[in-house]
Amino acid sequence: MGFFSSFFEDEAFFKINGIYTNNFVPGKDIEKSLGVVTYVKKGVKGDIVKEIESILRKFLRLAREKGADAVINSRITTGTYHEQGSKWNVTYIIIYGEAVKFKS
């Protein structure tokens, strides 16, 4: 299993409840958007899969600090770059999505 797991037919969700790759949340009505939330983790070493849960929880915490109930349209981007003056590559992860508030 990768970063996503499928719980509903044709719908992909992150393993962390509250972070969704779709533009809706099943069974919930979205009241308003609170804007885009982004989390960047630089210098990831070793197995990214082992670190992803911690990264996703920090991302969700940022959204909740804005008053969000969930994050929709979430995406993960990863890459590497050569740190200046070093012969080592640095890995980074960027996760972003739209923080939303549900109708009461």
PDB file of N, CA and C in Angstrom:
ATOM      1  N   MET A   1       0.844  -1.174   0.000  1.00  0.00           N
ATOM      2  CA  MET A   1       0.000   0.000   0.000  1.00  0.00           C
ATOM      3  C   MET A   1       0.883   1.229   0.000  1.00  0.00           C
ATOM      4  N   GLY A   2       0.533   2.197  -0.800  1.00  0.00           N
ATOM      5  CA  GLY A   2       1.275   3.444  -0.853  1.00  0.00           C
ATOM      6  C   GLY A   2       0.706   4.469   0.102  1.00  0.00           C
ATOM      7  N   PHE A   3       0.736   5.731  -0.299  1.00  0.00           N
ATOM      8  CA  PHE A   3       0.235   6.808   0.543  1.00  0.00           C
ATOM      9  C   PHE A   3      -1.286   6.797   0.638  1.00  0.00           C
ATOM     10  N   PHE A   4      -1.943   6.243  -0.361  1.00  0.00           N
ATOM     11  CA  PHE A   4      -3.395   6.271  -0.411  1.00  0.00           C
ATOM     12  C   PHE A   4      -3.957   4.879  -0.192  1.00  0.00           C
ATOM     13  N   SER A   5      -5.172   4.822   0.297  1.00  0.00           N
ATOM     14  CA  SER A   5      -5.903   3.566   0.333  1.00  0.00           C
ATOM     15  C   SER A   5      -7.327   3.875  -0.082  1.00  0.00           C
ATOM     16  N   SER A   6      -7.992   2.938  -0.714  1.00  0.00           N
ATOM     17  CA  SER A   6      -9.332   3.179  -1.224  1.00  0.00           C
ATOM     18  C   SER A   6     -10.367   2.578  -0.280  1.00  0.00           C
ATOM     19  N   PHE A   7     -11.233   3.433   0.261  1.00  0.00           N
ATOM     20  CA  PHE A   7     -12.283   2.983   1.168  1.00  0.00           C
ATOM     21  C   PHE A   7     -13.644   2.965   0.488  1.00  0.00           C
ATOM     22  N   PHE A   8     -13.828   3.744  -0.540  1.00  0.00           N
ATOM     23  CA  PHE A   8     -15.076   3.803  -1.273  1.00  0.00           C
ATOM     24  C   PHE A   8     -14.762   3.582  -2.745  1.00  0.00           C
ATOM     25  N   GLU A   9     -15.718   3.052  -3.474  1.00  0.00           N
ATOM     26  CA  GLU A   9     -15.505   2.788  -4.887  1.00  0.00           C
ATOM     27  C   GLU A   9     -15.119   4.064  -5.626  1.00  0.00           C
ATOM     28  N   ASP A  10     -14.049   4.012  -6.374  1.00  0.00           N
ATOM     29  CA  ASP A  10     -13.556   5.122  -7.198  1.00  0.00           C
ATOM     30  C   ASP A  10     -13.181   6.363  -6.401  1.00  0.00           C
ATOM     31  N   GLU A  11     -12.898   6.240  -5.112  1.00  0.00           N
ATOM     32  CA  GLU A  11     -12.505   7.389  -4.303  1.00  0.00           C
ATOM     33  C   GLU A  11     -11.217   7.053  -3.566  1.00  0.00           C
ATOM     34  N   ALA A  12     -10.239   7.939  -3.640  1.00  0.00           N
ATOM     35  CA  ALA A  12      -8.970   7.716  -2.945  1.00  0.00           C
ATOM     36  C   ALA A  12      -8.874   8.669  -1.768  1.00  0.00           C
ATOM     37  N   PHE A  13      -8.453   8.149  -0.636  1.00  0.00           N
ATOM     38  CA  PHE A  13      -8.333   8.930   0.585  1.00  0.00           C
ATOM     39  C   PHE A  13      -6.974   8.666   1.197  1.00  0.00           C
ATOM     40  N   PHE A  14      -6.424   9.667   1.866  1.00  0.00           N
ATOM     41  CA  PHE A  14      -5.211   9.449   2.619  1.00  0.00           C
ATOM     42  C   PHE A  14      -5.520   8.539   3.792  1.00  0.00           C
ATOM     43  N   LYS A  15      -4.499   7.939   4.372  1.00  0.00           N
ATOM     44  CA  LYS A  15      -4.687   7.051   5.511  1.00  0.00           C
ATOM     45  C   LYS A  15      -5.104   7.805   6.770  1.00  0.00           C
ATOM     46  N   ILE A  16      -4.934   9.096   6.802  1.00  0.00           N
ATOM     47  CA  ILE A  16      -5.272   9.902   7.972  1.00  0.00           C
ATOM     48  C   ILE A  16      -6.678  10.474   7.784  1.00  0.00           C
ATOM     49  N   ASN A  17      -7.574  10.203   8.729  1.00  0.00           N
ATOM     50  CA  ASN A  17      -8.936  10.724   8.658  1.00  0.00           C
ATOM     51  C   ASN A  17      -8.903  12.244   8.709  1.00  0.00           C
ATOM     52  N   GLY A  18      -9.562  12.891   7.762  1.00  0.00           N
ATOM     53  CA  GLY A  18      -9.590  14.349   7.701  1.00  0.00           C
ATOM     54  C   GLY A  18      -8.823  14.901   6.518  1.00  0.00           C
ATOM     55  N   ILE A  19      -8.094  14.050   5.800  1.00  0.00           N
ATOM     56  CA  ILE A  19      -7.345  14.478   4.612  1.00  0.00           C
ATOM     57  C   ILE A  19      -7.864  13.674   3.427  1.00  0.00           C
ATOM     58  N   TYR A  20      -8.407  14.372   2.437  1.00  0.00           N
ATOM     59  CA  TYR A  20      -9.056  13.716   1.303  1.00  0.00           C
ATOM     60  C   TYR A  20      -8.458  14.188  -0.017  1.00  0.00           C
ATOM     61  N   THR A  21      -8.381  13.275  -0.974  1.00  0.00           N
ATOM     62  CA  THR A  21      -7.866  13.629  -2.298  1.00  0.00           C
ATOM     63  C   THR A  21      -8.972  14.128  -3.218  1.00  0.00           C
ATOM     64  N   ASN A  22     -10.218  13.889  -2.841  1.00  0.00           N
ATOM     65  CA  ASN A  22     -11.360  14.356  -3.639  1.00  0.00           C
ATOM     66  C   ASN A  22     -11.736  15.779  -3.262  1.00  0.00           C
ATOM     67  N   ASN A  23     -12.669  16.343  -4.022  1.00  0.00           N
ATOM     68  CA  ASN A  23     -13.133  17.700  -3.724  1.00  0.00           C
ATOM     69  C   ASN A  23     -14.399  17.694  -2.871  1.00  0.00           C
ATOM     70  N   PHE A  24     -14.661  16.580  -2.181  1.00  0.00           N
ATOM     71  CA  PHE A  24     -15.807  16.446  -1.289  1.00  0.00           C
ATOM     72  C   PHE A  24     -15.454  15.447  -0.191  1.00  0.00           C
ATOM     73  N   VAL A  25     -16.306  15.435   0.829  1.00  0.00           N
ATOM     74  CA  VAL A  25     -16.161  14.464   1.912  1.00  0.00           C
ATOM     75  C   VAL A  25     -17.481  13.702   1.984  1.00  0.00           C
ATOM     76  N   PRO A  26     -17.455  12.390   1.824  1.00  0.00           N
ATOM     77  CA  PRO A  26     -18.698  11.619   1.831  1.00  0.00           C
ATOM     78  C   PRO A  26     -19.510  11.866   3.106  1.00  0.00           C
ATOM     79  N   GLY A  27     -20.801  12.190   2.921  1.00  0.00           N
ATOM     80  CA  GLY A  27     -21.700  12.387   4.044  1.00  0.00           C
ATOM     81  C   GLY A  27     -21.616  13.749   4.708  1.00  0.00           C
ATOM     82  N   LYS A  28     -20.791  14.650   4.188  1.00  0.00           N
ATOM     83  CA  LYS A  28     -20.622  15.984   4.778  1.00  0.00           C
ATOM     84  C   LYS A  28     -20.904  17.056   3.736  1.00  0.00           C
ATOM     85  N   ASP A  29     -21.471  18.151   4.199  1.00  0.00           N
ATOM     86  CA  ASP A  29     -21.663  19.319   3.343  1.00  0.00           C
ATOM     87  C   ASP A  29     -20.650  20.382   3.750  1.00  0.00           C
ATOM     88  N   ILE A  30     -19.954  20.929   2.765  1.00  0.00           N
ATOM     89  CA  ILE A  30     -18.933  21.940   3.026  1.00  0.00           C
ATOM     90  C   ILE A  30     -19.594  23.309   3.103  1.00  0.00           C
ATOM     91  N   GLU A  31     -19.347  24.003   4.203  1.00  0.00           N
ATOM     92  CA  GLU A  31     -19.902  25.337   4.410  1.00  0.00           C
ATOM     93  C   GLU A  31     -19.052  26.396   3.724  1.00  0.00           C
ATOM     94  N   LYS A  32     -17.720  26.312   3.939  1.00  0.00           N
ATOM     95  CA  LYS A  32     -16.848  27.302   3.302  1.00  0.00           C
ATOM     96  C   LYS A  32     -15.412  26.801   3.227  1.00  0.00           C
ATOM     97  N   SER A  33     -14.695  27.424   2.306  1.00  0.00           N
ATOM     98  CA  SER A  33     -13.270  27.159   2.142  1.00  0.00           C
ATOM     99  C   SER A  33     -12.484  28.147   2.988  1.00  0.00           C
ATOM    100  N   LEU A  34     -11.451  27.646   3.646  1.00  0.00           N
ATOM    101  CA  LEU A  34     -10.588  28.504   4.448  1.00  0.00           C
ATOM    102  C   LEU A  34      -9.261  28.777   3.740  1.00  0.00           C
ATOM    103  N   GLY A  35      -9.155  28.341   2.495  1.00  0.00           N
ATOM    104  CA  GLY A  35      -7.957  28.589   1.705  1.00  0.00           C
ATOM    105  C   GLY A  35      -7.029  27.387   1.638  1.00  0.00           C
ATOM    106  N   VAL A  36      -5.961  27.574   0.919  1.00  0.00           N
ATOM    107  CA  VAL A  36      -4.981  26.510   0.713  1.00  0.00           C
ATOM    108  C   VAL A  36      -4.059  26.424   1.925  1.00  0.00           C
ATOM    109  N   VAL A  37      -3.795  25.198   2.334  1.00  0.00           N
ATOM    110  CA  VAL A  37      -2.835  24.950   3.400  1.00  0.00           C
ATOM    111  C   VAL A  37      -1.710  24.102   2.801  1.00  0.00           C
ATOM    112  N   THR A  38      -0.466  24.433   3.160  1.00  0.00           N
ATOM    113  CA  THR A  38       0.711  23.755   2.618  1.00  0.00           C
ATOM    114  C   THR A  38       1.673  23.401   3.736  1.00  0.00           C
ATOM    115  N   TYR A  39       2.248  22.207   3.649  1.00  0.00           N
ATOM    116  CA  TYR A  39       3.284  21.796   4.595  1.00  0.00           C
ATOM    117  C   TYR A  39       4.469  21.292   3.780  1.00  0.00           C
ATOM    118  N   VAL A  40       5.662  21.781   4.118  1.00  0.00           N
ATOM    119  CA  VAL A  40       6.885  21.383   3.422  1.00  0.00           C
ATOM    120  C   VAL A  40       7.836  20.757   4.432  1.00  0.00           C
ATOM    121  N   LYS A  41       8.340  19.582   4.088  1.00  0.00           N
ATOM    122  CA  LYS A  41       9.337  18.898   4.928  1.00  0.00           C
ATOM    123  C   LYS A  41      10.577  18.703   4.071  1.00  0.00           C
ATOM    124  N   LYS A  42      11.665  19.365   4.474  1.00  0.00           N
ATOM    125  CA  LYS A  42      12.931  19.235   3.744  1.00  0.00           C
ATOM    126  C   LYS A  42      13.861  18.302   4.503  1.00  0.00           C
ATOM    127  N   GLY A  43      14.808  17.760   3.804  1.00  0.00           N
ATOM    128  CA  GLY A  43      15.823  16.927   4.438  1.00  0.00           C
ATOM    129  C   GLY A  43      15.309  15.586   4.918  1.00  0.00           C
ATOM    130  N   VAL A  44      14.342  15.028   4.194  1.00  0.00           N
ATOM    131  CA  VAL A  44      13.810  13.715   4.559  1.00  0.00           C
ATOM    132  C   VAL A  44      14.878  12.674   4.267  1.00  0.00           C
ATOM    133  N   LYS A  45      15.168  11.868   5.265  1.00  0.00           N
ATOM    134  CA  LYS A  45      16.199  10.842   5.104  1.00  0.00           C
ATOM    135  C   LYS A  45      15.576   9.473   5.315  1.00  0.00           C
ATOM    136  N   GLY A  46      16.095   8.498   4.617  1.00  0.00           N
ATOM    137  CA  GLY A  46      15.632   7.128   4.806  1.00  0.00           C
ATOM    138  C   GLY A  46      14.334   6.846   4.077  1.00  0.00           C
ATOM    139  N   ASP A  47      13.510   6.042   4.699  1.00  0.00           N
ATOM    140  CA  ASP A  47      12.270   5.561   4.104  1.00  0.00           C
ATOM    141  C   ASP A  47      11.151   6.591   4.279  1.00  0.00           C
ATOM    142  N   ILE A  48      10.751   7.230   3.198  1.00  0.00           N
ATOM    143  CA  ILE A  48       9.713   8.260   3.244  1.00  0.00           C
ATOM    144  C   ILE A  48       8.393   7.675   3.746  1.00  0.00           C
ATOM    145  N   VAL A  49       8.090   6.453   3.369  1.00  0.00           N
ATOM    146  CA  VAL A  49       6.833   5.828   3.784  1.00  0.00           C
ATOM    147  C   VAL A  49       6.732   5.771   5.307  1.00  0.00           C
ATOM    148  N   LYS A  50       7.852   5.564   5.987  1.00  0.00           N
ATOM    149  CA  LYS A  50       7.841   5.518   7.450  1.00  0.00           C
ATOM    150  C   LYS A  50       7.572   6.889   8.059  1.00  0.00           C
ATOM    151  N   GLU A  51       7.910   7.957   7.351  1.00  0.00           N
ATOM    152  CA  GLU A  51       7.725   9.315   7.855  1.00  0.00           C
ATOM    153  C   GLU A  51       6.405   9.948   7.434  1.00  0.00           C
ATOM    154  N   ILE A  52       5.703   9.337   6.497  1.00  0.00           N
ATOM    155  CA  ILE A  52       4.544  10.004   5.909  1.00  0.00           C
ATOM    156  C   ILE A  52       3.419  10.234   6.918  1.00  0.00           C
ATOM    157  N   GLU A  53       3.197   9.312   7.845  1.00  0.00           N
ATOM    158  CA  GLU A  53       2.114   9.509   8.808  1.00  0.00           C
ATOM    159  C   GLU A  53       2.363  10.744   9.662  1.00  0.00           C
ATOM    160  N   SER A  54       3.583  10.929  10.118  1.00  0.00           N
ATOM    161  CA  SER A  54       3.929  12.106  10.908  1.00  0.00           C
ATOM    162  C   SER A  54       3.751  13.382  10.087  1.00  0.00           C
ATOM    163  N   ILE A  55       4.155  13.353   8.840  1.00  0.00           N
ATOM    164  CA  ILE A  55       4.028  14.507   7.949  1.00  0.00           C
ATOM    165  C   ILE A  55       2.554  14.847   7.721  1.00  0.00           C
ATOM    166  N   LEU A  56       1.730  13.827   7.493  1.00  0.00           N
ATOM    167  CA  LEU A  56       0.308  14.059   7.274  1.00  0.00           C
ATOM    168  C   LEU A  56      -0.365  14.619   8.525  1.00  0.00           C
ATOM    169  N   ARG A  57       0.030  14.124   9.692  1.00  0.00           N
ATOM    170  CA  ARG A  57      -0.557  14.641  10.937  1.00  0.00           C
ATOM    171  C   ARG A  57      -0.188  16.112  11.158  1.00  0.00           C
ATOM    172  N   LYS A  58       1.040  16.496  10.846  1.00  0.00           N
ATOM    173  CA  LYS A  58       1.445  17.900  10.964  1.00  0.00           C
ATOM    174  C   LYS A  58       0.668  18.766   9.974  1.00  0.00           C
ATOM    175  N   PHE A  59       0.477  18.264   8.768  1.00  0.00           N
ATOM    176  CA  PHE A  59      -0.298  18.966   7.740  1.00  0.00           C
ATOM    177  C   PHE A  59      -1.729  19.203   8.215  1.00  0.00           C
ATOM    178  N   LEU A  60      -2.365  18.153   8.757  1.00  0.00           N
ATOM    179  CA  LEU A  60      -3.729  18.283   9.245  1.00  0.00           C
ATOM    180  C   LEU A  60      -3.804  19.242  10.430  1.00  0.00           C
ATOM    181  N   ARG A  61      -2.797  19.219  11.294  1.00  0.00           N
ATOM    182  CA  ARG A  61      -2.769  20.141  12.431  1.00  0.00           C
ATOM    183  C   ARG A  61      -2.727  21.599  11.950  1.00  0.00           C
ATOM    184  N   LEU A  62      -1.957  21.884  10.894  1.00  0.00           N
ATOM    185  CA  LEU A  62      -1.922  23.241  10.324  1.00  0.00           C
ATOM    186  C   LEU A  62      -3.309  23.668   9.849  1.00  0.00           C
ATOM    187  N   ALA A  63      -4.011  22.763   9.195  1.00  0.00           N
ATOM    188  CA  ALA A  63      -5.357  23.073   8.712  1.00  0.00           C
ATOM    189  C   ALA A  63      -6.308  23.319   9.880  1.00  0.00           C
ATOM    190  N   ARG A  64      -6.200  22.500  10.900  1.00  0.00           N
ATOM    191  CA  ARG A  64      -7.089  22.647  12.068  1.00  0.00           C
ATOM    192  C   ARG A  64      -6.796  23.951  12.812  1.00  0.00           C
ATOM    193  N   GLU A  65      -5.548  24.405  12.793  1.00  0.00           N
ATOM    194  CA  GLU A  65      -5.205  25.683  13.416  1.00  0.00           C
ATOM    195  C   GLU A  65      -5.891  26.851  12.697  1.00  0.00           C
ATOM    196  N   LYS A  66      -6.229  26.661  11.409  1.00  0.00           N
ATOM    197  CA  LYS A  66      -6.971  27.666  10.644  1.00  0.00           C
ATOM    198  C   LYS A  66      -8.476  27.545  10.874  1.00  0.00           C
ATOM    199  N   GLY A  67      -8.896  26.532  11.652  1.00  0.00           N
ATOM    200  CA  GLY A  67     -10.309  26.313  11.922  1.00  0.00           C
ATOM    201  C   GLY A  67     -10.962  25.287  11.018  1.00  0.00           C
ATOM    202  N   ALA A  68     -10.184  24.539  10.253  1.00  0.00           N
ATOM    203  CA  ALA A  68     -10.721  23.566   9.303  1.00  0.00           C
ATOM    204  C   ALA A  68     -11.178  22.282   9.995  1.00  0.00           C
ATOM    205  N   ASP A  69     -12.201  21.675   9.408  1.00  0.00           N
ATOM    206  CA  ASP A  69     -12.637  20.346   9.833  1.00  0.00           C
ATOM    207  C   ASP A  69     -11.923  19.267   9.035  1.00  0.00           C
ATOM    208  N   ALA A  70     -11.509  19.616   7.804  1.00  0.00           N
ATOM    209  CA  ALA A  70     -10.849  18.646   6.925  1.00  0.00           C
ATOM    210  C   ALA A  70     -10.083  19.389   5.839  1.00  0.00           C
ATOM    211  N   VAL A  71      -9.306  18.621   5.069  1.00  0.00           N
ATOM    212  CA  VAL A  71      -8.596  19.160   3.903  1.00  0.00           C
ATOM    213  C   VAL A  71      -9.010  18.318   2.706  1.00  0.00           C
ATOM    214  N   ILE A  72      -9.478  18.996   1.650  1.00  0.00           N
ATOM    215  CA  ILE A  72      -9.868  18.305   0.423  1.00  0.00           C
ATOM    216  C   ILE A  72      -8.877  18.648  -0.694  1.00  0.00           C
ATOM    217  N   ASN A  73      -8.980  17.936  -1.800  1.00  0.00           N
ATOM    218  CA  ASN A  73      -8.091  18.145  -2.957  1.00  0.00           C
ATOM    219  C   ASN A  73      -6.620  18.062  -2.551  1.00  0.00           C
ATOM    220  N   SER A  74      -6.299  17.174  -1.637  1.00  0.00           N
ATOM    221  CA  SER A  74      -4.925  17.063  -1.129  1.00  0.00           C
ATOM    222  C   SER A  74      -4.016  16.368  -2.133  1.00  0.00           C
ATOM    223  N   ARG A  75      -2.787  16.856  -2.208  1.00  0.00           N
ATOM    224  CA  ARG A  75      -1.783  16.297  -3.112  1.00  0.00           C
ATOM    225  C   ARG A  75      -0.432  16.261  -2.419  1.00  0.00           C
ATOM    226  N   ILE A  76       0.381  15.291  -2.816  1.00  0.00           N
ATOM    227  CA  ILE A  76       1.750  15.178  -2.313  1.00  0.00           C
ATOM    228  C   ILE A  76       2.694  15.250  -3.500  1.00  0.00           C
ATOM    229  N   THR A  77       3.740  16.050  -3.343  1.00  0.00           N
ATOM    230  CA  THR A  77       4.814  16.132  -4.330  1.00  0.00           C
ATOM    231  C   THR A  77       6.121  15.869  -3.608  1.00  0.00           C
ATOM    232  N   THR A  78       6.987  15.097  -4.223  1.00  0.00           N
ATOM    233  CA  THR A  78       8.305  14.852  -3.639  1.00  0.00           C
ATOM    234  C   THR A  78       9.372  15.141  -4.685  1.00  0.00           C
ATOM    235  N   GLY A  79      10.558  15.354  -4.225  1.00  0.00           N
ATOM    236  CA  GLY A  79      11.666  15.589  -5.140  1.00  0.00           C
ATOM    237  C   GLY A  79      12.975  15.646  -4.385  1.00  0.00           C
ATOM    238  N   THR A  80      14.034  15.869  -5.116  1.00  0.00           N
ATOM    239  CA  THR A  80      15.357  16.001  -4.518  1.00  0.00           C
ATOM    240  C   THR A  80      16.088  17.158  -5.174  1.00  0.00           C
ATOM    241  N   TYR A  81      17.039  17.690  -4.444  1.00  0.00           N
ATOM    242  CA  TYR A  81      17.917  18.711  -5.003  1.00  0.00           C
ATOM    243  C   TYR A  81      19.308  18.512  -4.408  1.00  0.00           C
ATOM    244  N   HIS A  82      20.275  19.083  -5.077  1.00  0.00           N
ATOM    245  CA  HIS A  82      21.663  18.981  -4.644  1.00  0.00           C
ATOM    246  C   HIS A  82      21.960  20.172  -3.747  1.00  0.00           C
ATOM    247  N   GLU A  83      22.249  19.912  -2.505  1.00  0.00           N
ATOM    248  CA  GLU A  83      22.561  20.994  -1.578  1.00  0.00           C
ATOM    249  C   GLU A  83      23.892  21.625  -1.962  1.00  0.00           C
ATOM    250  N   GLN A  84      23.924  22.954  -2.005  1.00  0.00           N
ATOM    251  CA  GLN A  84      25.130  23.659  -2.425  1.00  0.00           C
ATOM    252  C   GLN A  84      26.311  23.289  -1.533  1.00  0.00           C
ATOM    253  N   GLY A  85      27.420  22.991  -2.160  1.00  0.00           N
ATOM    254  CA  GLY A  85      28.635  22.652  -1.432  1.00  0.00           C
ATOM    255  C   GLY A  85      28.670  21.224  -0.918  1.00  0.00           C
ATOM    256  N   SER A  86      27.673  20.445  -1.272  1.00  0.00           N
ATOM    257  CA  SER A  86      27.597  19.072  -0.794  1.00  0.00           C
ATOM    258  C   SER A  86      27.476  18.137  -1.982  1.00  0.00           C
ATOM    259  N   LYS A  87      27.892  16.926  -1.803  1.00  0.00           N
ATOM    260  CA  LYS A  87      27.698  15.943  -2.865  1.00  0.00           C
ATOM    261  C   LYS A  87      26.472  15.075  -2.589  1.00  0.00           C
ATOM    262  N   TRP A  88      25.654  15.475  -1.612  1.00  0.00           N
ATOM    263  CA  TRP A  88      24.478  14.710  -1.218  1.00  0.00           C
ATOM    264  C   TRP A  88      23.199  15.347  -1.762  1.00  0.00           C
ATOM    265  N   ASN A  89      22.271  14.499  -2.124  1.00  0.00           N
ATOM    266  CA  ASN A  89      20.945  14.970  -2.508  1.00  0.00           C
ATOM    267  C   ASN A  89      20.090  15.158  -1.262  1.00  0.00           C
ATOM    268  N   VAL A  90      19.240  16.165  -1.286  1.00  0.00           N
ATOM    269  CA  VAL A  90      18.296  16.427  -0.200  1.00  0.00           C
ATOM    270  C   VAL A  90      16.897  16.135  -0.731  1.00  0.00           C
ATOM    271  N   THR A  91      16.145  15.329   0.003  1.00  0.00           N
ATOM    272  CA  THR A  91      14.785  14.986  -0.399  1.00  0.00           C
ATOM    273  C   THR A  91      13.802  15.895   0.323  1.00  0.00           C
ATOM    274  N   TYR A  92      12.747  16.289  -0.381  1.00  0.00           N
ATOM    275  CA  TYR A  92      11.707  17.112   0.229  1.00  0.00           C
ATOM    276  C   TYR A  92      10.336  16.546  -0.119  1.00  0.00           C
ATOM    277  N   ILE A  93       9.373  16.878   0.730  1.00  0.00           N
ATOM    278  CA  ILE A  93       7.976  16.514   0.505  1.00  0.00           C
ATOM    279  C   ILE A  93       7.152  17.781   0.654  1.00  0.00           C
ATOM    280  N   ILE A  94       6.267  18.010  -0.293  1.00  0.00           N
ATOM    281  CA  ILE A  94       5.315  19.118  -0.204  1.00  0.00           C
ATOM    282  C   ILE A  94       3.922  18.506  -0.258  1.00  0.00           C
ATOM    283  N   ILE A  95       3.100  18.840   0.729  1.00  0.00           N
ATOM    284  CA  ILE A  95       1.715  18.397   0.725  1.00  0.00           C
ATOM    285  C   ILE A  95       0.833  19.637   0.817  1.00  0.00           C
ATOM    286  N   TYR A  96      -0.197  19.676   0.003  1.00  0.00           N
ATOM    287  CA  TYR A  96      -1.070  20.845  -0.013  1.00  0.00           C
ATOM    288  C   TYR A  96      -2.503  20.426  -0.299  1.00  0.00           C
ATOM    289  N   GLY A  97      -3.440  21.276   0.087  1.00  0.00           N
ATOM    290  CA  GLY A  97      -4.849  21.015  -0.158  1.00  0.00           C
ATOM    291  C   GLY A  97      -5.676  22.199   0.321  1.00  0.00           C
ATOM    292  N   GLU A  98      -6.979  22.076   0.171  1.00  0.00           N
ATOM    293  CA  GLU A  98      -7.905  23.147   0.541  1.00  0.00           C
ATOM    294  C   GLU A  98      -8.550  22.853   1.893  1.00  0.00           C
ATOM    295  N   ALA A  99      -8.307  23.725   2.852  1.00  0.00           N
ATOM    296  CA  ALA A  99      -8.899  23.590   4.186  1.00  0.00           C
ATOM    297  C   ALA A  99     -10.367  23.987   4.107  1.00  0.00           C
ATOM    298  N   VAL A 100     -11.248  23.153   4.668  1.00  0.00           N
ATOM    299  CA  VAL A 100     -12.683  23.432   4.597  1.00  0.00           C
ATOM    300  C   VAL A 100     -13.347  23.270   5.959  1.00  0.00           C
ATOM    301  N   LYS A 101     -14.452  23.965   6.099  1.00  0.00           N
ATOM    302  CA  LYS A 101     -15.302  23.904   7.293  1.00  0.00           C
ATOM    303  C   LYS A 101     -16.616  23.257   6.883  1.00  0.00           C
ATOM    304  N   PHE A 102     -17.127  22.303   7.683  1.00  0.00           N
ATOM    305  CA  PHE A 102     -18.390  21.636   7.383  1.00  0.00           C
ATOM    306  C   PHE A 102     -19.571  22.439   7.904  1.00  0.00           C
ATOM    307  N   LYS A 103     -20.735  22.228   7.272  1.00  0.00           N
ATOM    308  CA  LYS A 103     -21.986  22.797   7.796  1.00  0.00           C
ATOM    309  C   LYS A 103     -22.320  22.074   9.092  1.00  0.00           C
ATOM    310  N   SER A 104     -22.845  22.810  10.043  1.00  0.00           N
ATOM    311  CA  SER A 104     -23.205  22.213  11.349  1.00  0.00           C
ATOM    312  C   SER A 104     -24.474  21.420  11.265  1.00  0.00           C
TER     313      SER A 104
END
